[in-house]
Amino acid sequence: MKRKSILLLSAMSVSLAMAGCSNAAKNNQASGDSPPPSSAGASSAAASPTQEESASQSAEPQTLTMVYSQGEFSWPAYKKMAAAFKEKTGHTVKLQYVPAAEFDKYLDAQFVAGTEADIIMGGPSDKSSWFKNGWIVNLYPHMDETSRFTNAAWRDSFVDGVLDSATDKTPPEKLYGIPIQLTTVNLYYNKKIFGELGVSEPPKTITELLAVAQKAKDAGYTGFSIQNSMDWNLGWLATDLWGYLWKPKLDQLDVIKKDGYVGTDEWALAVKKGMVTKDSPELKEYARVIKDLSPYFNEGFNTASWEFESLFNDGKSAMALNGSWYPNQHLQNKLSVDYGIAPIPYLDKAYSQLGGEERYNYIMGGEAYVAITSKAEKDGKLQAALDWLRFWTDPSGGAKMMTDELFLIPVVKGIQAPEQVQPIIDTFGTEKQVSFTAFKFEPEQSDAFFKAQQQYLDNKLTAERFIGDITKTLQKYADAAIKANPEWGVEAYLK
């Protein structure tokens, strides 16, 4: 998938792709259910409906299934959208919720069993492994088709650049799913607590963040509530830190596609060239930053889950990280906390030699978030599924409902963003973020990093041991990733 700087990153691994492909093949041989990728040259005329059949199927009422992991605050909006879609098209959408903590494993099991839903909302940011396994449809060729809701090419509905950021540019171009919102993670701070502390503005840098967190702790508050029982909340902060740590070496890292981003292929190359080792100053500085911040986290943060939100919502925490969806949660749940929104404090020169002079304001791109499964295509539901996705991105239909009901930042043209999220939009800029994925070549590697970090923050590992443990197998994982992805062409850069 195209290298993009979108937050909330979670990656499928090479080993899962290889194992999933093998298991799926065995399963499909047994069941007679073997859906190939759509629209990428892999589908045969016998396996896919003809254009006439597709048009007929689109006109007939279909029942679609969609699985998702979003919280309860979003459910009424999805039901409202499904009802409006049925009224317009006659198609029924059955919604199925799976808790976020179980979602990826659930999806893997469903794919292997051949029982996946027609539409998947969420899952890993990089869905290229799903496509390689023949599990999802390539939506890119369908972008030039006319949407029944706008009477124009589907791609014309999107804000300029949104689809580009979600597209895998490797020929043939592939779009694994459609973006439905611009998603960011931000610093949320309690205005009442800040007033008590005499702090007039949210911290802009790590130096200021540490100072404010210390004041909050001295006043009896949790300085910064966070959770690290799952690899996402603290990971949001990590994503931002890694971007600052590696940005100075962008020219040395961005050598395969030279597009201002650093992809997994380029991280594999960097590992092979000895740029990521136990002696890398970037790794050592990352370990120092998270350790310095940890005294201000809530007690038990390594095992805490949604308590980190409760602490903030109940006025016990001065600051927390949350997403651009939080204003909706605040409204839906009638929370009383008076909050402000600011960018994540950046790694500054005053704190670190590897820090920056000012904050990067990043380009906000779309994420391939809602995918159509190949099973839906094989079952003759592709046109109905495309209609559902096009309704989601119809500025007078689903897209407007999503914005009005959930305060989401729109990815389609002609929709005014809610004023509650304007402070987030004001942070958008033109910089490209460096995403660090050298520890995500395979799931077991990603899991090992996460567990080692937990132990480090629990004072069970020294910084040297933490870095040593996560780097000792880097070469092995990079080699496996390069071997599994010959299309990367990494070997050519090692000669």
Protein backbone atom coordinates (compact mmCIF):
# COMPACT_ATOMS: atom_id res chain seq x y z
CA MET A 1 0.00 0.00 0.00
CA LYS A 2 1.13 3.53 -0.57
CA ARG A 3 3.29 4.91 2.12
CA LYS A 4 1.22 7.40 4.04
CA SER A 5 1.45 9.27 7.24
CA ILE A 6 -1.88 8.56 8.66
CA LEU A 7 -2.23 8.07 12.34
CA LEU A 8 -3.81 5.15 14.10
CA LEU A 9 -1.49 2.77 12.02
CA SER A 10 -1.75 -0.95 12.53
CA ALA A 11 -0.04 -3.31 10.11
CA MET A 12 -0.70 -6.80 8.76
CA SER A 13 2.53 -8.78 8.51
CA VAL A 14 4.32 -10.74 5.86
CA SER A 15 4.11 -14.03 7.71
CA LEU A 16 0.36 -13.63 8.14
CA ALA A 17 0.05 -12.91 4.45
CA MET A 18 1.96 -16.07 3.56
CA ALA A 19 0.20 -18.24 6.10
CA GLY A 20 -3.18 -16.71 5.30
CA CYS A 21 -2.68 -17.34 1.60
CA SER A 22 -1.84 -20.97 2.24
CA ASN A 23 -4.66 -21.51 4.71
CA ALA A 24 -7.17 -19.70 2.54
CA ALA A 25 -6.22 -21.83 -0.42
CA LYS A 26 -6.70 -25.01 1.59
CA ASN A 27 -9.99 -23.77 2.93
CA ASN A 28 -11.25 -22.70 -0.46
CA GLN A 29 -10.31 -26.01 -2.04
CA ALA A 30 -12.36 -27.76 0.57
CA SER A 31 -15.35 -25.47 0.30
CA GLY A 32 -15.28 -24.62 -3.37
CA ASP A 33 -15.15 -20.93 -2.41
CA SER A 34 -12.09 -19.30 -3.95
CA PRO A 35 -12.65 -15.60 -4.65
CA PRO A 36 -9.82 -13.92 -6.58
CA PRO A 37 -8.93 -10.23 -6.31
CA SER A 38 -11.26 -8.01 -8.32
CA SER A 39 -10.35 -5.60 -11.08
CA ALA A 40 -6.63 -6.28 -10.91
CA GLY A 41 -6.39 -8.75 -13.74
CA ALA A 42 -6.89 -11.76 -11.48
CA SER A 43 -10.63 -12.29 -11.87
CA SER A 44 -11.82 -14.46 -14.72
CA ALA A 45 -14.97 -13.95 -16.75
CA ALA A 46 -16.32 -17.22 -15.40
CA ALA A 47 -15.75 -16.19 -11.78
CA SER A 48 -17.18 -12.67 -12.03
CA PRO A 49 -20.62 -11.47 -13.15
CA THR A 50 -20.90 -9.95 -16.64
CA GLN A 51 -21.78 -6.26 -16.97
CA GLU A 52 -25.36 -7.20 -17.80
CA GLU A 53 -25.54 -9.49 -14.79
CA SER A 54 -24.03 -6.79 -12.57
CA ALA A 55 -26.58 -4.24 -13.73
CA SER A 56 -29.37 -6.70 -13.04
CA GLN A 57 -27.97 -7.52 -9.62
CA SER A 58 -27.69 -3.82 -8.80
CA ALA A 59 -31.38 -3.38 -9.55
CA GLU A 60 -32.43 -6.33 -7.42
CA PRO A 61 -32.69 -5.85 -3.63
CA GLN A 62 -29.63 -7.31 -1.94
CA THR A 63 -28.75 -7.94 1.69
CA LEU A 64 -25.24 -6.83 2.60
CA THR A 65 -23.35 -7.54 5.81
CA MET A 66 -20.90 -5.03 7.26
CA VAL A 67 -18.64 -5.64 10.25
CA TYR A 68 -17.04 -2.80 12.23
CA SER A 69 -15.42 -2.04 15.59
CA GLN A 70 -16.47 1.53 16.30
CA GLY A 71 -17.86 2.41 19.73
CA GLU A 72 -21.50 2.71 20.74
CA PHE A 73 -21.56 6.45 20.08
CA SER A 74 -21.47 5.71 16.34
CA TRP A 75 -24.14 2.99 16.16
CA PRO A 76 -27.21 5.24 15.81
CA ALA A 77 -25.58 7.03 12.89
CA TYR A 78 -24.79 3.78 11.07
CA LYS A 79 -28.35 2.53 11.57
CA LYS A 80 -29.72 5.82 10.29
CA MET A 81 -27.49 5.59 7.21
CA ALA A 82 -28.51 1.99 6.54
CA ALA A 83 -32.18 2.97 6.75
CA ALA A 84 -31.71 5.88 4.35
CA PHE A 85 -29.73 3.67 1.96
CA LYS A 86 -32.50 1.06 1.93
CA GLU A 87 -35.07 3.73 1.21
CA LYS A 88 -33.06 4.97 -1.78
CA THR A 89 -31.93 1.63 -3.23
CA GLY A 90 -33.96 -1.20 -1.71
CA HIS A 91 -30.74 -2.82 -0.43
CA THR A 92 -30.52 -3.89 3.21
CA VAL A 93 -27.32 -3.52 5.24
CA LYS A 94 -26.96 -5.71 8.31
CA LEU A 95 -24.48 -4.24 10.78
CA GLN A 96 -22.29 -6.37 13.05
CA TYR A 97 -20.16 -4.95 15.85
CA VAL A 98 -16.95 -6.64 17.07
CA PRO A 99 -14.96 -5.07 19.95
CA ALA A 100 -11.81 -3.27 18.83
CA ALA A 101 -9.50 -5.45 20.93
CA GLU A 102 -10.72 -8.57 19.11
CA PHE A 103 -11.28 -7.10 15.66
CA ASP A 104 -8.09 -8.01 13.77
CA LYS A 105 -8.02 -11.59 15.07
CA TYR A 106 -11.72 -11.93 14.29
CA LEU A 107 -11.18 -10.77 10.71
CA ASP A 108 -8.25 -13.13 10.19
CA ALA A 109 -10.32 -16.08 11.39
CA GLN A 110 -13.25 -15.14 9.17
CA PHE A 111 -11.07 -14.82 6.09
CA VAL A 112 -9.43 -18.18 6.67
CA ALA A 113 -12.84 -19.80 7.25
CA GLY A 114 -14.37 -18.11 4.21
CA THR A 115 -17.15 -16.58 6.33
CA GLU A 116 -16.18 -12.90 6.11
CA ALA A 117 -18.71 -10.11 5.78
CA ASP A 118 -19.40 -8.38 2.48
CA ILE A 119 -17.98 -5.09 3.74
CA ILE A 120 -15.32 -4.47 6.37
CA MET A 121 -15.04 -1.12 8.10
CA GLY A 122 -11.64 -0.87 9.71
CA GLY A 123 -8.91 -3.43 10.06
CA PRO A 124 -5.21 -2.76 9.42
CA SER A 125 -4.20 0.42 7.67
CA ASP A 126 -2.15 -1.58 5.19
CA LYS A 127 -4.59 -3.95 3.52
CA SER A 128 -2.15 -5.04 0.81
CA SER A 129 -1.81 -8.49 2.40
CA TRP A 130 -5.58 -8.90 2.24
CA PHE A 131 -5.48 -8.09 -1.46
CA LYS A 132 -2.54 -10.39 -2.16
CA ASN A 133 -4.49 -13.20 -0.50
CA GLY A 134 -7.47 -12.52 -2.77
CA TRP A 135 -9.69 -11.41 0.10
CA ILE A 136 -10.69 -7.90 -1.00
CA VAL A 137 -11.62 -6.02 -4.16
CA ASN A 138 -9.50 -3.38 -5.86
CA LEU A 139 -11.75 -0.31 -5.89
CA TYR A 140 -9.47 1.83 -8.03
CA PRO A 141 -11.00 0.92 -11.44
CA HIS A 142 -14.48 1.65 -10.03
CA MET A 143 -13.56 5.25 -9.22
CA ASP A 144 -14.19 6.32 -12.81
CA GLU A 145 -17.65 4.77 -12.85
CA THR A 146 -20.69 7.00 -12.40
CA SER A 147 -22.21 7.14 -8.94
CA ARG A 148 -25.98 6.74 -9.00
CA PHE A 149 -26.20 9.36 -6.24
CA THR A 150 -24.23 12.18 -7.87
CA ASN A 151 -24.46 11.30 -11.58
CA ALA A 152 -20.74 11.96 -11.83
CA ALA A 153 -17.57 9.88 -11.62
CA TRP A 154 -17.21 8.50 -8.11
CA ARG A 155 -13.72 9.94 -7.71
CA ASP A 156 -15.11 13.45 -8.27
CA SER A 157 -16.85 13.29 -4.90
CA PHE A 158 -13.58 13.29 -2.95
CA VAL A 159 -11.48 16.20 -1.75
CA ASP A 160 -8.38 16.59 -3.91
CA GLY A 161 -5.53 14.36 -2.76
CA VAL A 162 -7.58 12.15 -0.45
CA LEU A 163 -7.69 9.18 -2.82
CA ASP A 164 -4.05 9.61 -3.82
CA SER A 165 -2.96 9.20 -0.22
CA ALA A 166 -4.90 5.94 0.08
CA THR A 167 -3.81 4.44 -3.24
CA ASP A 168 -1.08 1.85 -3.76
CA LYS A 169 0.77 3.33 -6.73
CA THR A 170 2.62 0.13 -7.59
CA PRO A 171 1.31 -0.87 -11.05
CA PRO A 172 -1.47 -1.64 -11.47
CA GLU A 173 -2.78 1.05 -9.13
CA LYS A 174 -4.83 -0.35 -6.28
CA LEU A 175 -7.29 1.14 -3.82
CA TYR A 176 -8.01 -1.37 -1.08
CA GLY A 177 -10.80 0.61 0.55
CA ILE A 178 -12.37 4.05 0.61
CA PRO A 179 -11.57 6.81 3.08
CA ILE A 180 -14.60 8.00 5.05
CA GLN A 181 -13.02 10.65 7.25
CA LEU A 182 -9.80 12.52 7.87
CA THR A 183 -8.60 11.13 11.16
CA THR A 184 -6.05 12.69 13.48
CA VAL A 185 -4.94 12.21 17.06
CA ASN A 186 -4.64 15.29 19.22
CA LEU A 187 -3.88 16.50 22.71
CA TYR A 188 -7.02 17.09 24.76
CA TYR A 189 -6.58 19.15 27.90
CA ASN A 190 -8.83 20.04 30.83
CA LYS A 191 -9.35 23.81 30.80
CA LYS A 192 -10.49 23.90 34.45
CA ILE A 193 -7.38 22.09 35.68
CA PHE A 194 -5.15 24.27 33.53
CA GLY A 195 -6.77 27.33 35.11
CA GLU A 196 -6.05 25.99 38.61
CA LEU A 197 -2.44 25.37 37.62
CA GLY A 198 -2.03 28.84 36.15
CA VAL A 199 -1.31 27.40 32.72
CA SER A 200 -2.75 29.66 30.05
CA GLU A 201 -1.93 27.62 26.94
CA PRO A 202 -1.61 23.94 26.08
CA PRO A 203 1.99 22.67 25.89
CA LYS A 204 3.51 22.91 22.44
CA THR A 205 6.68 20.89 23.05
CA ILE A 206 7.84 17.87 25.03
CA THR A 207 9.71 20.28 27.31
CA GLU A 208 6.48 22.16 28.08
CA LEU A 209 4.49 18.92 28.35
CA LEU A 210 6.80 17.63 31.08
CA ALA A 211 6.55 20.92 32.97
CA VAL A 212 2.73 21.03 32.86
CA ALA A 213 2.47 17.34 33.76
CA GLN A 214 4.66 17.94 36.81
CA LYS A 215 2.44 20.82 37.93
CA ALA A 216 -0.64 18.64 37.54
CA LYS A 217 0.96 15.81 39.50
CA ASP A 218 1.99 18.19 42.29
CA ALA A 219 -1.64 19.39 42.47
CA GLY A 220 -2.92 15.82 42.87
CA TYR A 221 -4.03 15.16 39.30
CA THR A 222 -2.86 12.61 36.78
CA GLY A 223 -0.67 14.59 34.47
CA PHE A 224 -1.29 12.59 31.33
CA SER A 225 -3.73 9.67 31.16
CA ILE A 226 -2.90 6.94 28.69
CA GLN A 227 -3.29 3.21 28.20
CA ASN A 228 -0.73 0.66 27.09
CA SER A 229 -2.60 -2.63 27.46
CA MET A 230 -3.20 -2.57 23.70
CA ASP A 231 -0.82 -1.27 21.07
CA TRP A 232 -2.58 1.89 20.01
CA ASN A 233 -3.02 4.70 22.54
CA LEU A 234 0.60 5.10 23.58
CA GLY A 235 1.36 4.18 19.98
CA TRP A 236 -0.25 7.45 18.86
CA LEU A 237 2.36 9.36 20.82
CA ALA A 238 5.07 7.01 19.56
CA THR A 239 4.06 7.66 15.95
CA ASP A 240 4.57 11.38 16.43
CA LEU A 241 7.90 10.92 18.22
CA TRP A 242 9.29 8.58 15.58
CA GLY A 243 8.41 11.10 12.91
CA TYR A 244 10.59 13.77 14.50
CA LEU A 245 13.42 11.37 15.30
CA TRP A 246 13.78 10.04 11.76
CA LYS A 247 12.84 13.12 9.71
CA PRO A 248 16.45 14.41 9.54
CA LYS A 249 17.46 11.21 7.72
CA LEU A 250 14.62 11.34 5.20
CA ASP A 251 16.95 11.71 2.21
CA GLN A 252 18.88 8.60 3.26
CA LEU A 253 15.71 6.59 3.88
CA ASP A 254 13.43 7.64 1.02
CA VAL A 255 15.41 6.06 -1.82
CA ILE A 256 13.10 3.61 -3.59
CA LYS A 257 10.12 5.74 -4.56
CA LYS A 258 11.49 9.14 -3.45
CA ASP A 259 8.06 10.51 -2.64
CA GLY A 260 8.72 12.12 0.74
CA TYR A 261 7.51 9.09 2.69
CA VAL A 262 9.36 6.07 4.05
CA GLY A 263 7.61 2.81 3.28
CA THR A 264 8.03 -0.63 4.78
CA ASP A 265 10.17 -1.58 1.78
CA GLU A 266 12.51 1.32 2.52
CA TRP A 267 12.68 0.40 6.21
CA ALA A 268 13.68 -3.13 5.20
CA LEU A 269 16.39 -1.60 3.04
CA ALA A 270 17.49 0.66 5.91
CA VAL A 271 17.84 -2.36 8.20
CA LYS A 272 19.92 -4.20 5.60
CA LYS A 273 22.16 -1.14 5.22
CA GLY A 274 22.75 -0.95 8.99
CA MET A 275 20.76 2.23 9.59
CA VAL A 276 18.58 0.73 12.33
CA THR A 277 20.62 -0.99 15.06
CA LYS A 278 21.00 -1.11 18.83
CA ASP A 279 23.37 1.83 18.49
CA SER A 280 20.96 4.04 16.55
CA PRO A 281 20.60 7.37 18.40
CA GLU A 282 16.96 7.54 17.28
CA LEU A 283 16.09 4.36 19.20
CA LYS A 284 17.98 5.48 22.29
CA GLU A 285 16.26 8.87 22.26
CA TYR A 286 12.83 7.30 21.84
CA ALA A 287 13.47 5.15 24.90
CA ARG A 288 14.52 8.23 26.89
CA VAL A 289 11.44 10.24 25.95
CA ILE A 290 8.84 7.64 26.87
CA LYS A 291 10.65 6.86 30.13
CA ASP A 292 10.76 10.55 31.08
CA LEU A 293 7.03 10.87 30.41
CA SER A 294 5.98 7.69 32.21
CA PRO A 295 6.02 9.10 35.81
CA TYR A 296 3.14 11.38 34.80
CA PHE A 297 0.99 8.61 33.33
CA ASN A 298 -1.88 7.16 35.31
CA GLU A 299 -1.08 4.34 37.71
CA GLY A 300 -1.32 0.95 36.04
CA PHE A 301 -1.26 2.40 32.53
CA ASN A 302 0.30 -0.80 31.16
CA THR A 303 -2.83 -2.75 32.08
CA ALA A 304 -5.39 0.07 31.82
CA SER A 305 -7.86 0.15 28.97
CA TRP A 306 -10.65 2.72 28.61
CA GLU A 307 -9.91 3.99 32.12
CA PHE A 308 -7.60 6.51 30.50
CA GLU A 309 -10.65 8.18 28.95
CA SER A 310 -12.66 7.98 32.17
CA LEU A 311 -9.89 9.73 34.10
CA PHE A 312 -10.00 12.61 31.66
CA ASN A 313 -13.80 12.70 31.39
CA ASP A 314 -14.15 12.70 35.19
CA GLY A 315 -11.79 15.64 35.63
CA LYS A 316 -8.97 13.62 37.23
CA SER A 317 -6.46 13.93 34.42
CA ALA A 318 -5.04 17.16 33.06
CA MET A 319 -4.30 15.81 29.59
CA ALA A 320 -4.92 12.83 27.33
CA LEU A 321 -4.48 11.79 23.74
CA ASN A 322 -7.60 11.10 21.74
CA GLY A 323 -8.83 11.20 18.18
CA SER A 324 -10.79 13.62 16.08
CA TRP A 325 -13.86 11.53 16.96
CA TYR A 326 -13.75 12.61 20.62
CA PRO A 327 -15.93 15.75 20.20
CA ASN A 328 -18.74 13.46 19.08
CA GLN A 329 -18.24 11.13 22.05
CA HIS A 330 -18.28 14.14 24.34
CA LEU A 331 -21.58 15.32 22.90
CA GLN A 332 -23.27 11.92 22.69
CA ASN A 333 -22.33 10.98 26.25
CA LYS A 334 -23.21 14.42 27.64
CA LEU A 335 -19.83 14.73 29.33
CA SER A 336 -19.26 17.73 31.56
CA VAL A 337 -15.48 18.11 31.20
CA ASP A 338 -14.53 21.44 29.62
CA TYR A 339 -11.83 20.45 27.15
CA GLY A 340 -9.54 22.14 24.68
CA ILE A 341 -7.85 20.66 21.62
CA ALA A 342 -4.23 21.10 20.57
CA PRO A 343 -1.63 19.31 18.46
CA ILE A 344 0.46 16.60 20.09
CA PRO A 345 3.46 18.37 21.69
CA TYR A 346 6.45 17.91 19.42
CA LEU A 347 9.98 16.78 20.17
CA ASP A 348 11.88 20.05 20.54
CA LYS A 349 15.54 21.03 20.45
CA ALA A 350 15.44 22.22 24.04
CA TYR A 351 14.73 18.66 25.13
CA SER A 352 16.59 16.66 22.49
CA GLN A 353 19.39 17.20 19.99
CA LEU A 354 17.28 15.18 17.57
CA GLY A 355 14.27 17.44 18.09
CA GLY A 356 12.93 20.13 15.80
CA GLU A 357 12.74 23.91 15.91
CA GLU A 358 8.99 23.94 15.29
CA ARG A 359 6.06 21.62 14.91
CA TYR A 360 5.41 19.91 11.59
CA ASN A 361 1.90 20.49 10.29
CA TYR A 362 1.20 17.35 8.36
CA ILE A 363 -0.75 16.66 5.20
CA MET A 364 -3.88 14.78 6.16
CA GLY A 365 -4.63 11.99 3.74
CA GLY A 366 -7.30 9.35 3.52
CA GLU A 367 -7.02 5.80 4.74
CA ALA A 368 -8.30 2.73 2.87
CA TYR A 369 -10.82 2.19 5.63
CA VAL A 370 -13.95 0.55 4.21
CA ALA A 371 -13.22 -2.48 2.01
CA ILE A 372 -15.39 -4.77 -0.08
CA THR A 373 -14.55 -8.45 0.18
CA SER A 374 -13.99 -10.70 -2.80
CA LYS A 375 -16.60 -12.97 -1.30
CA ALA A 376 -19.19 -10.23 -1.86
CA GLU A 377 -18.19 -10.06 -5.51
CA LYS A 378 -18.35 -13.83 -5.95
CA ASP A 379 -21.79 -13.87 -4.32
CA GLY A 380 -23.06 -11.33 -6.85
CA LYS A 381 -23.20 -8.41 -4.42
CA LEU A 382 -20.44 -6.20 -5.81
CA GLN A 383 -22.72 -3.57 -7.35
CA ALA A 384 -24.84 -3.29 -4.22
CA ALA A 385 -21.68 -3.01 -2.10
CA LEU A 386 -20.32 -0.30 -4.39
CA ASP A 387 -23.62 1.54 -4.07
CA TRP A 388 -23.33 1.40 -0.27
CA LEU A 389 -19.84 2.87 -0.35
CA ARG A 390 -20.92 5.51 -2.84
CA PHE A 391 -23.81 6.44 -0.59
CA TRP A 392 -21.31 6.89 2.25
CA THR A 393 -19.44 9.39 0.09
CA ASP A 394 -22.49 11.14 -1.35
CA PRO A 395 -22.31 14.78 -0.15
CA SER A 396 -26.09 14.97 0.13
CA GLY A 397 -26.44 11.48 1.61
CA GLY A 398 -24.21 9.39 3.84
CA ALA A 399 -21.27 11.78 3.89
CA LYS A 400 -23.42 14.60 5.24
CA MET A 401 -25.02 12.25 7.79
CA MET A 402 -21.61 11.10 8.99
CA THR A 403 -20.45 14.69 9.41
CA ASP A 404 -23.62 15.91 11.11
CA GLU A 405 -24.12 12.89 13.35
CA LEU A 406 -20.53 12.05 14.27
CA PHE A 407 -18.62 15.34 13.87
CA LEU A 408 -16.23 13.62 11.49
CA ILE A 409 -13.87 15.59 9.29
CA PRO A 410 -15.25 15.05 5.77
CA VAL A 411 -13.28 13.59 2.86
CA VAL A 412 -15.83 14.64 0.25
CA LYS A 413 -16.40 18.01 -1.35
CA GLY A 414 -19.19 20.38 -0.47
CA ILE A 415 -19.57 19.59 3.23
CA GLN A 416 -18.89 22.08 6.01
CA ALA A 417 -16.91 20.58 8.87
CA PRO A 418 -18.44 21.03 12.35
CA GLU A 419 -17.01 23.92 14.35
CA GLN A 420 -16.06 21.52 17.14
CA VAL A 421 -13.33 20.01 14.97
CA GLN A 422 -12.09 23.26 13.45
CA PRO A 423 -9.14 23.47 15.89
CA ILE A 424 -8.03 20.11 14.49
CA ILE A 425 -8.38 21.23 10.87
CA ASP A 426 -6.34 24.32 11.67
CA THR A 427 -3.33 22.07 12.35
CA PHE A 428 -3.31 20.59 8.85
CA GLY A 429 -0.36 21.54 6.69
CA THR A 430 1.93 20.44 3.88
CA GLU A 431 4.59 18.34 5.64
CA LYS A 432 4.83 14.58 5.07
CA GLN A 433 5.20 12.43 8.15
CA VAL A 434 7.88 9.77 8.46
CA SER A 435 6.20 6.61 9.71
CA PHE A 436 8.47 4.06 11.42
CA THR A 437 7.58 0.45 10.58
CA ALA A 438 10.89 -1.36 10.99
CA PHE A 439 9.41 -3.25 13.96
CA LYS A 440 6.28 -4.28 12.07
CA PHE A 441 7.56 -6.60 9.36
CA GLU A 442 5.71 -9.51 11.00
CA PRO A 443 3.06 -9.78 13.76
CA GLU A 444 5.33 -11.64 16.15
CA GLN A 445 7.93 -8.92 15.75
CA SER A 446 5.38 -6.18 16.42
CA ASP A 447 4.10 -8.08 19.44
CA ALA A 448 7.64 -8.56 20.78
CA PHE A 449 8.29 -4.82 20.50
CA PHE A 450 5.07 -4.01 22.32
CA LYS A 451 5.77 -6.44 25.17
CA ALA A 452 9.38 -5.31 25.53
CA GLN A 453 8.20 -1.70 25.75
CA GLN A 454 5.71 -2.64 28.47
CA GLN A 455 8.49 -4.31 30.46
CA TYR A 456 10.75 -1.33 29.96
CA LEU A 457 8.12 1.10 31.22
CA ASP A 458 7.47 -1.24 34.17
CA ASN A 459 11.19 -0.93 35.03
CA LYS A 460 11.76 -4.61 34.30
CA LEU A 461 14.19 -3.88 31.47
CA THR A 462 16.94 -1.31 31.16
CA ALA A 463 16.98 0.95 28.12
CA GLU A 464 19.96 -1.00 26.75
CA ARG A 465 18.16 -4.32 27.17
CA PHE A 466 14.94 -2.93 25.68
CA ILE A 467 16.73 -1.68 22.57
CA GLY A 468 18.88 -4.78 22.37
CA ASP A 469 15.91 -7.13 22.56
CA ILE A 470 13.98 -5.37 19.79
CA THR A 471 16.93 -5.04 17.41
CA LYS A 472 18.61 -8.44 17.69
CA THR A 473 16.22 -10.05 15.19
CA LEU A 474 15.77 -7.06 12.87
CA GLN A 475 17.91 -8.54 10.09
CA LYS A 476 15.93 -11.80 10.18
CA TYR A 477 12.58 -10.06 9.88
CA ALA A 478 13.81 -7.69 7.18
CA ASP A 479 15.13 -10.63 5.16
CA ALA A 480 11.77 -12.43 5.46
CA ALA A 481 9.87 -9.30 4.39
CA ILE A 482 12.12 -8.73 1.38
CA LYS A 483 11.82 -12.37 0.31
CA ALA A 484 8.01 -12.30 0.62
CA ASN A 485 7.75 -9.06 -1.35
CA PRO A 486 10.01 -9.34 -4.41
CA GLU A 487 8.03 -6.52 -6.03
CA TRP A 488 9.77 -4.14 -3.63
CA GLY A 489 13.00 -4.60 -5.61
CA VAL A 490 15.11 -4.04 -2.49
CA GLU A 491 17.98 -6.25 -3.67
CA ALA A 492 18.71 -3.83 -6.50
CA TYR A 493 19.59 -1.17 -3.91
CA LEU A 494 21.95 -3.48 -2.02
CA LYS A 495 24.31 -4.13 -4.91
